[in-house]
Full PDB file with SEQRES, HELIX, SHEET, SSBOND, CRYST1, ORIGX, SCALE, CONECT and MASTER records, all heavy atoms in Angstrom:
SEQRES   1 A   42  ALA ASP GLN LEU LYS SER SER THR LEU LYS GLU LEU ASN          
SEQRES   2 A   42  GLY THR ASP ALA ILE THR HIS GLU VAL LYS PHE GLU LYS          
SEQRES   3 A   42  SER THR LYS ALA LYS ALA ILE SER SER ALA LEU GLU LYS          
SEQRES   4 A   42  TYR THR ASN                                                  
HELIX    1 AA1 SER A    6  ASN A   13  1                                   8    
HELIX    2 AA2 LYS A   29  LYS A   39  1                                  11    
CRYST1    1.000    1.000    1.000  90.00  90.00  90.00 P 1           1          
ORIGX1      1.000000  0.000000  0.000000        0.00000                         
ORIGX2      0.000000  1.000000  0.000000        0.00000                         
ORIGX3      0.000000  0.000000  1.000000        0.00000                         
SCALE1      1.000000  0.000000  0.000000        0.00000                         
SCALE2      0.000000  1.000000  0.000000        0.00000                         
SCALE3      0.000000  0.000000  1.000000        0.00000                         
ATOM      1  N   ALA A   1     101.966  94.096 104.059  1.00  0.00           N  
ATOM      2  CA  ALA A   1     102.193  94.902 105.262  1.00  0.00           C  
ATOM      3  C   ALA A   1     101.433  94.322 106.447  1.00  0.00           C  
ATOM      4  O   ALA A   1     100.209  94.421 106.526  1.00  0.00           O  
ATOM      5  CB  ALA A   1     101.759  96.335 105.002  1.00  0.00           C  
ATOM      6  N   ASP A   2     102.174  93.716 107.362  1.00  0.00           N  
ATOM      7  CA  ASP A   2     101.596  93.107 108.558  1.00  0.00           C  
ATOM      8  C   ASP A   2     102.090  93.886 109.774  1.00  0.00           C  
ATOM      9  O   ASP A   2     103.249  93.788 110.164  1.00  0.00           O  
ATOM     10  CB  ASP A   2     102.027  91.635 108.636  1.00  0.00           C  
ATOM     11  CG  ASP A   2     101.313  90.872 109.743  1.00  0.00           C  
ATOM     12  OD1 ASP A   2     100.602  91.505 110.538  1.00  0.00           O  
ATOM     13  OD2 ASP A   2     101.483  89.640 109.809  1.00  0.00           O  
ATOM     14  N   GLN A   3     101.219  94.704 110.339  1.00  0.00           N  
ATOM     15  CA  GLN A   3     101.502  95.508 111.525  1.00  0.00           C  
ATOM     16  C   GLN A   3     102.625  96.526 111.276  1.00  0.00           C  
ATOM     17  O   GLN A   3     103.484  96.735 112.132  1.00  0.00           O  
ATOM     18  CB  GLN A   3     101.848  94.600 112.717  1.00  0.00           C  
ATOM     19  CG  GLN A   3     100.713  93.659 113.090  1.00  0.00           C  
ATOM     20  CD  GLN A   3     100.989  92.857 114.349  1.00  0.00           C  
ATOM     21  OE1 GLN A   3     101.436  93.431 115.358  1.00  0.00           O  
ATOM     22  NE2 GLN A   3     100.713  91.565 114.312  1.00  0.00           N  
ATOM     23  N   LEU A   4     102.601  97.153 110.114  1.00  0.00           N  
ATOM     24  CA  LEU A   4     103.505  98.268 109.852  1.00  0.00           C  
ATOM     25  C   LEU A   4     102.895  99.558 110.401  1.00  0.00           C  
ATOM     26  O   LEU A   4     101.670  99.698 110.484  1.00  0.00           O  
ATOM     27  CB  LEU A   4     103.770  98.421 108.350  1.00  0.00           C  
ATOM     28  CG  LEU A   4     104.523  97.293 107.649  1.00  0.00           C  
ATOM     29  CD1 LEU A   4     104.764  97.658 106.189  1.00  0.00           C  
ATOM     30  CD2 LEU A   4     105.847  96.989 108.339  1.00  0.00           C  
ATOM     31  N   LYS A   5     103.726 100.527 110.725  1.00  0.00           N  
ATOM     32  CA  LYS A   5     103.250 101.805 111.250  1.00  0.00           C  
ATOM     33  C   LYS A   5     102.539 102.599 110.147  1.00  0.00           C  
ATOM     34  O   LYS A   5     102.837 102.434 108.965  1.00  0.00           O  
ATOM     35  CB  LYS A   5     104.426 102.615 111.791  1.00  0.00           C  
ATOM     36  CG  LYS A   5     105.131 101.967 112.969  1.00  0.00           C  
ATOM     37  CD  LYS A   5     106.340 102.789 113.384  1.00  0.00           C  
ATOM     38  CE  LYS A   5     107.084 102.126 114.547  1.00  0.00           C  
ATOM     39  NZ  LYS A   5     108.307 102.880 114.925  1.00  0.00           N  
ATOM     40  N   SER A   6     101.612 103.458 110.555  1.00  0.00           N  
ATOM     41  CA  SER A   6     100.869 104.264 109.582  1.00  0.00           C  
ATOM     42  C   SER A   6     101.800 105.166 108.786  1.00  0.00           C  
ATOM     43  O   SER A   6     101.578 105.405 107.591  1.00  0.00           O  
ATOM     44  CB  SER A   6      99.802 105.100 110.299  1.00  0.00           C  
ATOM     45  OG  SER A   6     100.396 105.927 111.299  1.00  0.00           O  
ATOM     46  N   SER A   7     102.849 105.671 109.419  1.00  0.00           N  
ATOM     47  CA  SER A   7     103.806 106.528 108.717  1.00  0.00           C  
ATOM     48  C   SER A   7     104.547 105.745 107.641  1.00  0.00           C  
ATOM     49  O   SER A   7     104.826 106.266 106.552  1.00  0.00           O  
ATOM     50  CB  SER A   7     104.807 107.137 109.706  1.00  0.00           C  
ATOM     51  OG  SER A   7     105.487 106.114 110.429  1.00  0.00           O  
ATOM     52  N   THR A   8     104.858 104.474 107.929  1.00  0.00           N  
ATOM     53  CA  THR A   8     105.529 103.626 106.945  1.00  0.00           C  
ATOM     54  C   THR A   8     104.602 103.339 105.775  1.00  0.00           C  
ATOM     55  O   THR A   8     105.007 103.394 104.609  1.00  0.00           O  
ATOM     56  CB  THR A   8     105.979 102.301 107.589  1.00  0.00           C  
ATOM     57  OG1 THR A   8     106.821 102.571 108.705  1.00  0.00           O  
ATOM     58  CG2 THR A   8     106.742 101.442 106.584  1.00  0.00           C  
ATOM     59  N   LEU A   9     103.333 103.049 106.084  1.00  0.00           N  
ATOM     60  CA  LEU A   9     102.354 102.774 105.028  1.00  0.00           C  
ATOM     61  C   LEU A   9     102.178 103.978 104.118  1.00  0.00           C  
ATOM     62  O   LEU A   9     102.049 103.841 102.890  1.00  0.00           O  
ATOM     63  CB  LEU A   9     101.019 102.380 105.648  1.00  0.00           C  
ATOM     64  CG  LEU A   9     100.980 101.048 106.405  1.00  0.00           C  
ATOM     65  CD1 LEU A   9      99.658 100.900 107.148  1.00  0.00           C  
ATOM     66  CD2 LEU A   9     101.190  99.885 105.448  1.00  0.00           C  
ATOM     67  N   LYS A  10     102.184 105.157 104.700  1.00  0.00           N  
ATOM     68  CA  LYS A  10     102.032 106.379 103.908  1.00  0.00           C  
ATOM     69  C   LYS A  10     103.197 106.546 102.938  1.00  0.00           C  
ATOM     70  O   LYS A  10     102.995 106.884 101.757  1.00  0.00           O  
ATOM     71  CB  LYS A  10     101.942 107.588 104.838  1.00  0.00           C  
ATOM     72  CG  LYS A  10     101.700 108.896 104.109  1.00  0.00           C  
ATOM     73  CD  LYS A  10     101.554 110.055 105.099  1.00  0.00           C  
ATOM     74  CE  LYS A  10     101.314 111.371 104.352  1.00  0.00           C  
ATOM     75  NZ  LYS A  10     101.177 112.514 105.296  1.00  0.00           N  
ATOM     76  N   GLU A  11     104.405 106.281 103.401  1.00  0.00           N  
ATOM     77  CA  GLU A  11     105.575 106.400 102.528  1.00  0.00           C  
ATOM     78  C   GLU A  11     105.589 105.318 101.456  1.00  0.00           C  
ATOM     79  O   GLU A  11     105.978 105.565 100.310  1.00  0.00           O  
ATOM     80  CB  GLU A  11     106.859 106.339 103.357  1.00  0.00           C  
ATOM     81  CG  GLU A  11     107.083 107.559 104.234  1.00  0.00           C  
ATOM     82  CD  GLU A  11     108.489 107.602 104.820  1.00  0.00           C  
ATOM     83  OE1 GLU A  11     109.446 107.748 104.048  1.00  0.00           O  
ATOM     84  OE2 GLU A  11     108.610 107.457 106.054  1.00  0.00           O  
ATOM     85  N   LEU A  12     105.161 104.101 101.821  1.00  0.00           N  
ATOM     86  CA  LEU A  12     105.087 103.022 100.828  1.00  0.00           C  
ATOM     87  C   LEU A  12     104.092 103.372  99.720  1.00  0.00           C  
ATOM     88  O   LEU A  12     104.341 103.090  98.541  1.00  0.00           O  
ATOM     89  CB  LEU A  12     104.662 101.709 101.501  1.00  0.00           C  
ATOM     90  CG  LEU A  12     105.726 100.958 102.288  1.00  0.00           C  
ATOM     91  CD1 LEU A  12     105.101  99.781 103.036  1.00  0.00           C  
ATOM     92  CD2 LEU A  12     106.840 100.462 101.373  1.00  0.00           C  
ATOM     93  N   ASN A  13     102.985 103.995 100.100  1.00  0.00           N  
ATOM     94  CA  ASN A  13     101.974 104.371  99.115  1.00  0.00           C  
ATOM     95  C   ASN A  13     102.481 105.452  98.159  1.00  0.00           C  
ATOM     96  O   ASN A  13     101.897 105.665  97.095  1.00  0.00           O  
ATOM     97  CB  ASN A  13     100.699 104.846  99.815  1.00  0.00           C  
ATOM     98  CG  ASN A  13      99.954 103.704 100.481  1.00  0.00           C  
ATOM     99  OD1 ASN A  13     100.004 102.562 100.020  1.00  0.00           O  
ATOM    100  ND2 ASN A  13      99.267 103.989 101.583  1.00  0.00           N  
ATOM    101  N   GLY A  14     103.573 106.115  98.528  1.00  0.00           N  
ATOM    102  CA  GLY A  14     104.166 107.115  97.667  1.00  0.00           C  
ATOM    103  C   GLY A  14     105.178 106.539  96.694  1.00  0.00           C  
ATOM    104  O   GLY A  14     105.754 107.270  95.884  1.00  0.00           O  
ATOM    105  N   THR A  15     105.410 105.229  96.751  1.00  0.00           N  
ATOM    106  CA  THR A  15     106.322 104.559  95.823  1.00  0.00           C  
ATOM    107  C   THR A  15     105.515 103.825  94.753  1.00  0.00           C  
ATOM    108  O   THR A  15     104.290 103.819  94.772  1.00  0.00           O  
ATOM    109  CB  THR A  15     107.220 103.549  96.558  1.00  0.00           C  
ATOM    110  OG1 THR A  15     106.426 102.426  96.987  1.00  0.00           O  
ATOM    111  CG2 THR A  15     107.876 104.183  97.777  1.00  0.00           C  
ATOM    112  N   ASP A  16     106.228 103.199  93.841  1.00  0.00           N  
ATOM    113  CA  ASP A  16     105.558 102.415  92.793  1.00  0.00           C  
ATOM    114  C   ASP A  16     105.212 101.000  93.245  1.00  0.00           C  
ATOM    115  O   ASP A  16     104.696 100.208  92.449  1.00  0.00           O  
ATOM    116  CB  ASP A  16     106.450 102.340  91.548  1.00  0.00           C  
ATOM    117  CG  ASP A  16     106.555 103.679  90.839  1.00  0.00           C  
ATOM    118  OD1 ASP A  16     105.595 104.465  90.935  1.00  0.00           O  
ATOM    119  OD2 ASP A  16     107.595 103.946  90.211  1.00  0.00           O  
ATOM    120  N   ALA A  17     105.495 100.685  94.499  1.00  0.00           N  
ATOM    121  CA  ALA A  17     105.147  99.361  95.027  1.00  0.00           C  
ATOM    122  C   ALA A  17     103.661  99.310  95.366  1.00  0.00           C  
ATOM    123  O   ALA A  17     103.025 100.330  95.632  1.00  0.00           O  
ATOM    124  CB  ALA A  17     105.976  99.047  96.263  1.00  0.00           C  
ATOM    125  N   ILE A  18     103.122  98.103  95.358  1.00  0.00           N  
ATOM    126  CA  ILE A  18     101.740  97.868  95.791  1.00  0.00           C  
ATOM    127  C   ILE A  18     101.768  97.461  97.264  1.00  0.00           C  
ATOM    128  O   ILE A  18     102.556  96.598  97.658  1.00  0.00           O  
ATOM    129  CB  ILE A  18     101.091  96.751  94.951  1.00  0.00           C  
ATOM    130  CG1 ILE A  18     100.995  97.172  93.485  1.00  0.00           C  
ATOM    131  CG2 ILE A  18      99.716  96.397  95.504  1.00  0.00           C  
ATOM    132  CD1 ILE A  18     100.567  96.041  92.558  1.00  0.00           C  
ATOM    133  N   THR A  19     100.926  98.083  98.063  1.00  0.00           N  
ATOM    134  CA  THR A  19     100.865  97.743  99.490  1.00  0.00           C  
ATOM    135  C   THR A  19      99.611  96.917  99.759  1.00  0.00           C  
ATOM    136  O   THR A  19      98.488  97.368  99.503  1.00  0.00           O  
ATOM    137  CB  THR A  19     100.854  99.004 100.364  1.00  0.00           C  
ATOM    138  OG1 THR A  19     101.996  99.798 100.069  1.00  0.00           O  
ATOM    139  CG2 THR A  19     100.868  98.627 101.844  1.00  0.00           C  
ATOM    140  N   HIS A  20      99.822  95.718 100.284  1.00  0.00           N  
ATOM    141  CA  HIS A  20      98.707  94.822 100.613  1.00  0.00           C  
ATOM    142  C   HIS A  20      98.693  94.645 102.128  1.00  0.00           C  
ATOM    143  O   HIS A  20      99.543  93.960 102.702  1.00  0.00           O  
ATOM    144  CB  HIS A  20      98.909  93.477  99.912  1.00  0.00           C  
ATOM    145  CG  HIS A  20      97.900  92.433 100.293  1.00  0.00           C  
ATOM    146  ND1 HIS A  20      96.546  92.572 100.070  1.00  0.00           N  
ATOM    147  CD2 HIS A  20      98.055  91.211 100.897  1.00  0.00           C  
ATOM    148  CE1 HIS A  20      95.916  91.508 100.505  1.00  0.00           C  
ATOM    149  NE2 HIS A  20      96.803  90.664 101.019  1.00  0.00           N  
ATOM    150  N   GLU A  21      97.755  95.284 102.796  1.00  0.00           N  
ATOM    151  CA  GLU A  21      97.692  95.231 104.256  1.00  0.00           C  
ATOM    152  C   GLU A  21      96.976  93.961 104.727  1.00  0.00           C  
ATOM    153  O   GLU A  21      95.933  93.590 104.183  1.00  0.00           O  
ATOM    154  CB  GLU A  21      96.974  96.460 104.806  1.00  0.00           C  
ATOM    155  CG  GLU A  21      97.719  97.767 104.585  1.00  0.00           C  
ATOM    156  CD  GLU A  21      97.045  98.941 105.262  1.00  0.00           C  
ATOM    157  OE1 GLU A  21      96.866  98.882 106.504  1.00  0.00           O  
ATOM    158  OE2 GLU A  21      96.673  99.907 104.562  1.00  0.00           O  
ATOM    159  N   VAL A  22      97.557  93.335 105.743  1.00  0.00           N  
ATOM    160  CA  VAL A  22      96.954  92.132 106.324  1.00  0.00           C  
ATOM    161  C   VAL A  22      96.993  92.237 107.845  1.00  0.00           C  
ATOM    162  O   VAL A  22      97.787  92.981 108.418  1.00  0.00           O  
ATOM    163  CB  VAL A  22      97.704  90.842 105.882  1.00  0.00           C  
ATOM    164  CG1 VAL A  22      97.576  90.629 104.378  1.00  0.00           C  
ATOM    165  CG2 VAL A  22      99.172  90.889 106.302  1.00  0.00           C  
ATOM    166  N   LYS A  23      96.124  91.464 108.473  1.00  0.00           N  
ATOM    167  CA  LYS A  23      96.119  91.389 109.933  1.00  0.00           C  
ATOM    168  C   LYS A  23      95.650  90.007 110.334  1.00  0.00           C  
ATOM    169  O   LYS A  23      94.563  89.568 109.945  1.00  0.00           O  
ATOM    170  CB  LYS A  23      95.211  92.469 110.529  1.00  0.00           C  
ATOM    171  CG  LYS A  23      95.293  92.555 112.047  1.00  0.00           C  
ATOM    172  CD  LYS A  23      94.466  93.722 112.576  1.00  0.00           C  
ATOM    173  CE  LYS A  23      94.595  93.833 114.095  1.00  0.00           C  
ATOM    174  NZ  LYS A  23      93.798  94.976 114.632  1.00  0.00           N  
ATOM    175  N   PHE A  24      96.480  89.311 111.086  1.00  0.00           N  
ATOM    176  CA  PHE A  24      96.158  87.951 111.508  1.00  0.00           C  
ATOM    177  C   PHE A  24      96.217  87.859 113.033  1.00  0.00           C  
ATOM    178  O   PHE A  24      96.963  88.588 113.689  1.00  0.00           O  
ATOM    179  CB  PHE A  24      97.154  86.949 110.918  1.00  0.00           C  
ATOM    180  CG  PHE A  24      97.279  87.004 109.422  1.00  0.00           C  
ATOM    181  CD1 PHE A  24      98.423  87.523 108.834  1.00  0.00           C  
ATOM    182  CD2 PHE A  24      96.253  86.561 108.600  1.00  0.00           C  
ATOM    183  CE1 PHE A  24      98.549  87.585 107.454  1.00  0.00           C  
ATOM    184  CE2 PHE A  24      96.363  86.611 107.222  1.00  0.00           C  
ATOM    185  CZ  PHE A  24      97.519  87.130 106.645  1.00  0.00           C  
ATOM    186  N   GLU A  25      95.442  86.931 113.568  1.00  0.00           N  
ATOM    187  CA  GLU A  25      95.526  86.674 115.009  1.00  0.00           C  
ATOM    188  C   GLU A  25      96.908  86.127 115.353  1.00  0.00           C  
ATOM    189  O   GLU A  25      97.516  86.510 116.350  1.00  0.00           O  
ATOM    190  CB  GLU A  25      94.442  85.680 115.433  1.00  0.00           C  
ATOM    191  CG  GLU A  25      94.399  85.446 116.931  1.00  0.00           C  
ATOM    192  CD  GLU A  25      93.268  84.516 117.338  1.00  0.00           C  
ATOM    193  OE1 GLU A  25      92.346  84.289 116.521  1.00  0.00           O  
ATOM    194  OE2 GLU A  25      93.306  84.010 118.477  1.00  0.00           O  
ATOM    195  N   LYS A  26      97.404  85.221 114.507  1.00  0.00           N  
ATOM    196  CA  LYS A  26      98.774  84.709 114.629  1.00  0.00           C  
ATOM    197  C   LYS A  26      99.430  84.825 113.262  1.00  0.00           C  
ATOM    198  O   LYS A  26      99.042  84.131 112.322  1.00  0.00           O  
ATOM    199  CB  LYS A  26      98.785  83.251 115.104  1.00  0.00           C  
ATOM    200  CG  LYS A  26      98.392  83.073 116.554  1.00  0.00           C  
ATOM    201  CD  LYS A  26      98.563  81.625 116.993  1.00  0.00           C  
ATOM    202  CE  LYS A  26      98.224  81.455 118.480  1.00  0.00           C  
ATOM    203  NZ  LYS A  26      98.415  80.038 118.920  1.00  0.00           N  
ATOM    204  N   SER A  27     100.405  85.702 113.158  1.00  0.00           N  
ATOM    205  CA  SER A  27     101.032  85.964 111.870  1.00  0.00           C  
ATOM    206  C   SER A  27     102.002  84.860 111.488  1.00  0.00           C  
ATOM    207  O   SER A  27     102.776  84.378 112.319  1.00  0.00           O  
ATOM    208  CB  SER A  27     101.789  87.293 111.922  1.00  0.00           C  
ATOM    209  OG  SER A  27     100.907  88.374 112.106  1.00  0.00           O  
ATOM    210  N   THR A  28     101.953  84.447 110.225  1.00  0.00           N  
ATOM    211  CA  THR A  28     102.947  83.533 109.664  1.00  0.00           C  
ATOM    212  C   THR A  28     103.239  83.989 108.242  1.00  0.00           C  
ATOM    213  O   THR A  28     102.432  84.666 107.599  1.00  0.00           O  
ATOM    214  CB  THR A  28     102.468  82.066 109.626  1.00  0.00           C  
ATOM    215  OG1 THR A  28     101.427  81.927 108.647  1.00  0.00           O  
ATOM    216  CG2 THR A  28     101.989  81.593 110.988  1.00  0.00           C  
ATOM    217  N   LYS A  29     104.391  83.599 107.755  1.00  0.00           N  
ATOM    218  CA  LYS A  29     104.793  83.960 106.396  1.00  0.00           C  
ATOM    219  C   LYS A  29     103.864  83.312 105.371  1.00  0.00           C  
ATOM    220  O   LYS A  29     103.484  83.930 104.367  1.00  0.00           O  
ATOM    221  CB  LYS A  29     106.234  83.512 106.168  1.00  0.00           C  
ATOM    222  CG  LYS A  29     106.927  84.168 105.000  1.00  0.00           C  
ATOM    223  CD  LYS A  29     108.409  83.830 105.038  1.00  0.00           C  
ATOM    224  CE  LYS A  29     109.178  84.557 103.961  1.00  0.00           C  
ATOM    225  NZ  LYS A  29     110.631  84.272 104.051  1.00  0.00           N  
ATOM    226  N   ALA A  30     103.500  82.064 105.627  1.00  0.00           N  
ATOM    227  CA  ALA A  30     102.627  81.348 104.697  1.00  0.00           C  
ATOM    228  C   ALA A  30     101.265  82.034 104.572  1.00  0.00           C  
ATOM    229  O   ALA A  30     100.720  82.166 103.474  1.00  0.00           O  
ATOM    230  CB  ALA A  30     102.452  79.901 105.155  1.00  0.00           C  
ATOM    231  N   LYS A  31     100.697  82.479 105.687  1.00  0.00           N  
ATOM    232  CA  LYS A  31      99.408  83.182 105.651  1.00  0.00           C  
ATOM    233  C   LYS A  31      99.509  84.469 104.844  1.00  0.00           C  
ATOM    234  O   LYS A  31      98.617  84.808 104.064  1.00  0.00           O  
ATOM    235  CB  LYS A  31      98.939  83.515 107.074  1.00  0.00           C  
ATOM    236  CG  LYS A  31      98.432  82.337 107.887  1.00  0.00           C  
ATOM    237  CD  LYS A  31      98.008  82.830 109.261  1.00  0.00           C  
ATOM    238  CE  LYS A  31      97.560  81.677 110.161  1.00  0.00           C  
ATOM    239  NZ  LYS A  31      97.212  82.175 111.520  1.00  0.00           N  
ATOM    240  N   ALA A  32     100.600  85.206 105.056  1.00  0.00           N  
ATOM    241  CA  ALA A  32     100.785  86.473 104.358  1.00  0.00           C  
ATOM    242  C   ALA A  32     100.857  86.263 102.852  1.00  0.00           C  
ATOM    243  O   ALA A  32     100.209  86.970 102.072  1.00  0.00           O  
ATOM    244  CB  ALA A  32     102.054  87.161 104.874  1.00  0.00           C  
ATOM    245  N   ILE A  33     101.653  85.282 102.434  1.00  0.00           N  
ATOM    246  CA  ILE A  33     101.811  85.000 101.005  1.00  0.00           C  
ATOM    247  C   ILE A  33     100.493  84.531 100.399  1.00  0.00           C  
ATOM    248  O   ILE A  33     100.091  84.970  99.319  1.00  0.00           O  
ATOM    249  CB  ILE A  33     102.918  83.952 100.795  1.00  0.00           C  
ATOM    250  CG1 ILE A  33     104.267  84.531 101.211  1.00  0.00           C  
ATOM    251  CG2 ILE A  33     102.959  83.485  99.341  1.00  0.00           C  
ATOM    252  CD1 ILE A  33     105.381  83.503 101.294  1.00  0.00           C  
ATOM    253  N   SER A  34      99.810  83.636 101.091  1.00  0.00           N  
ATOM    254  CA  SER A  34      98.535  83.104 100.594  1.00  0.00           C  
ATOM    255  C   SER A  34      97.510  84.212 100.419  1.00  0.00           C  
ATOM    256  O   SER A  34      96.755  84.241  99.425  1.00  0.00           O  
ATOM    257  CB  SER A  34      98.014  82.038 101.558  1.00  0.00           C  
ATOM    258  OG  SER A  34      96.832  81.462 101.071  1.00  0.00           O  
ATOM    259  N   SER A  35      97.476  85.158 101.354  1.00  0.00           N  
ATOM    260  CA  SER A  35      96.541  86.274 101.267  1.00  0.00           C  
ATOM    261  C   SER A  35      96.793  87.111 100.021  1.00  0.00           C  
ATOM    262  O   SER A  35      95.860  87.514  99.311  1.00  0.00           O  
ATOM    263  CB  SER A  35      96.676  87.151 102.518  1.00  0.00           C  
ATOM    264  OG  SER A  35      95.912  88.334 102.405  1.00  0.00           O  
ATOM    265  N   ALA A  36      98.065  87.381  99.719  1.00  0.00           N  
ATOM    266  CA  ALA A  36      98.410  88.178  98.535  1.00  0.00           C  
ATOM    267  C   ALA A  36      98.071  87.433  97.248  1.00  0.00           C  
ATOM    268  O   ALA A  36      97.584  88.029  96.277  1.00  0.00           O  
ATOM    269  CB  ALA A  36      99.888  88.544  98.573  1.00  0.00           C  
ATOM    270  N   LEU A  37      98.306  86.131  97.237  1.00  0.00           N  
ATOM    271  CA  LEU A  37      98.026  85.343  96.038  1.00  0.00           C  
ATOM    272  C   LEU A  37      96.535  85.311  95.727  1.00  0.00           C  
ATOM    273  O   LEU A  37      96.125  85.233  94.563  1.00  0.00           O  
ATOM    274  CB  LEU A  37      98.550  83.914  96.210  1.00  0.00           C  
ATOM    275  CG  LEU A  37     100.074  83.759  96.252  1.00  0.00           C  
ATOM    276  CD1 LEU A  37     100.439  82.302  96.536  1.00  0.00           C  
ATOM    277  CD2 LEU A  37     100.707  84.210  94.949  1.00  0.00           C  
ATOM    278  N   GLU A  38      95.715  85.353  96.759  1.00  0.00           N  
ATOM    279  CA  GLU A  38      94.261  85.356  96.554  1.00  0.00           C  
ATOM    280  C   GLU A  38      93.802  86.646  95.879  1.00  0.00           C  
ATOM    281  O   GLU A  38      92.856  86.640  95.081  1.00  0.00           O  
ATOM    282  CB  GLU A  38      93.534  85.196  97.900  1.00  0.00           C  
ATOM    283  CG  GLU A  38      93.649  83.820  98.524  1.00  0.00           C  
ATOM    284  CD  GLU A  38      92.827  82.770  97.774  1.00  0.00           C  
ATOM    285  OE1 GLU A  38      91.980  83.143  96.933  1.00  0.00           O  
ATOM    286  OE2 GLU A  38      93.052  81.573  98.026  1.00  0.00           O  
ATOM    287  N   LYS A  39      94.484  87.746  96.174  1.00  0.00           N  
ATOM    288  CA  LYS A  39      94.047  89.045  95.665  1.00  0.00           C  
ATOM    289  C   LYS A  39      94.697  89.405  94.338  1.00  0.00           C  
ATOM    290  O   LYS A  39      94.041  89.984  93.452  1.00  0.00           O  
ATOM    291  CB  LYS A  39      94.346  90.134  96.696  1.00  0.00           C  
ATOM    292  CG  LYS A  39      93.857  91.509  96.267  1.00  0.00           C  
ATOM    293  CD  LYS A  39      94.023  92.529  97.382  1.00  0.00           C  
ATOM    294  CE  LYS A  39      93.481  93.902  96.936  1.00  0.00           C  
ATOM    295  NZ  LYS A  39      93.608  94.914  98.013  1.00  0.00           N  
ATOM    296  N   TYR A  40      95.979  89.077  94.188  1.00  0.00           N  
ATOM    297  CA  TYR A  40      96.721  89.494  92.993  1.00  0.00           C  
ATOM    298  C   TYR A  40      96.981  88.268  92.125  1.00  0.00           C  
ATOM    299  O   TYR A  40      97.817  87.425  92.454  1.00  0.00           O  
ATOM    300  CB  TYR A  40      98.026  90.174  93.399  1.00  0.00           C  
ATOM    301  CG  TYR A  40      97.807  91.361  94.309  1.00  0.00           C  
ATOM    302  CD1 TYR A  40      97.974  91.232  95.689  1.00  0.00           C  
ATOM    303  CD2 TYR A  40      97.394  92.592  93.805  1.00  0.00           C  
ATOM    304  CE1 TYR A  40      97.753  92.309  96.537  1.00  0.00           C  
ATOM    305  CE2 TYR A  40      97.168  93.676  94.646  1.00  0.00           C  
ATOM    306  CZ  TYR A  40      97.355  93.523  96.006  1.00  0.00           C  
ATOM    307  OH  TYR A  40      97.115  94.589  96.850  1.00  0.00           O  
ATOM    308  N   THR A  41      96.261  88.194  91.030  1.00  0.00           N  
ATOM    309  CA  THR A  41      96.256  86.961  90.237  1.00  0.00           C  
ATOM    310  C   THR A  41      96.777  87.128  88.815  1.00  0.00           C  
ATOM    311  O   THR A  41      96.956  86.137  88.116  1.00  0.00           O  
ATOM    312  CB  THR A  41      94.831  86.390  90.163  1.00  0.00           C  
ATOM    313  OG1 THR A  41      93.965  87.365  89.548  1.00  0.00           O  
ATOM    314  CG2 THR A  41      94.296  86.075  91.565  1.00  0.00           C  
ATOM    315  N   ASN A  42      97.028  88.353  88.382  1.00  0.00           N  
ATOM    316  CA  ASN A  42      97.369  88.592  86.977  1.00  0.00           C  
ATOM    317  C   ASN A  42      98.875  88.438  86.725  1.00  0.00           C  
ATOM    318  O   ASN A  42      99.520  89.336  86.166  1.00  0.00           O  
ATOM    319  CB  ASN A  42      96.902  89.994  86.565  1.00  0.00           C  
ATOM    320  CG  ASN A  42      96.990  90.208  85.066  1.00  0.00           C  
ATOM    321  OD1 ASN A  42      96.856  89.254  84.280  1.00  0.00           O  
ATOM    322  ND2 ASN A  42      97.232  91.445  84.654  1.00  0.00           N  
TER     323      ASN A  42                                                      
MASTER        0    0    0    2    0    0    0    6  322    1    0    4          
END                                                                             
């Protein structure tokens, strides 16, 4: 989740999906993916 609204985050948290919030000075797809890979390793 990169710059999603708080209402959207709340609804996502009510699903079975995992929400990984990120914030970058300059957003790129590669940065987002790399950030998730660092945290979720199993």
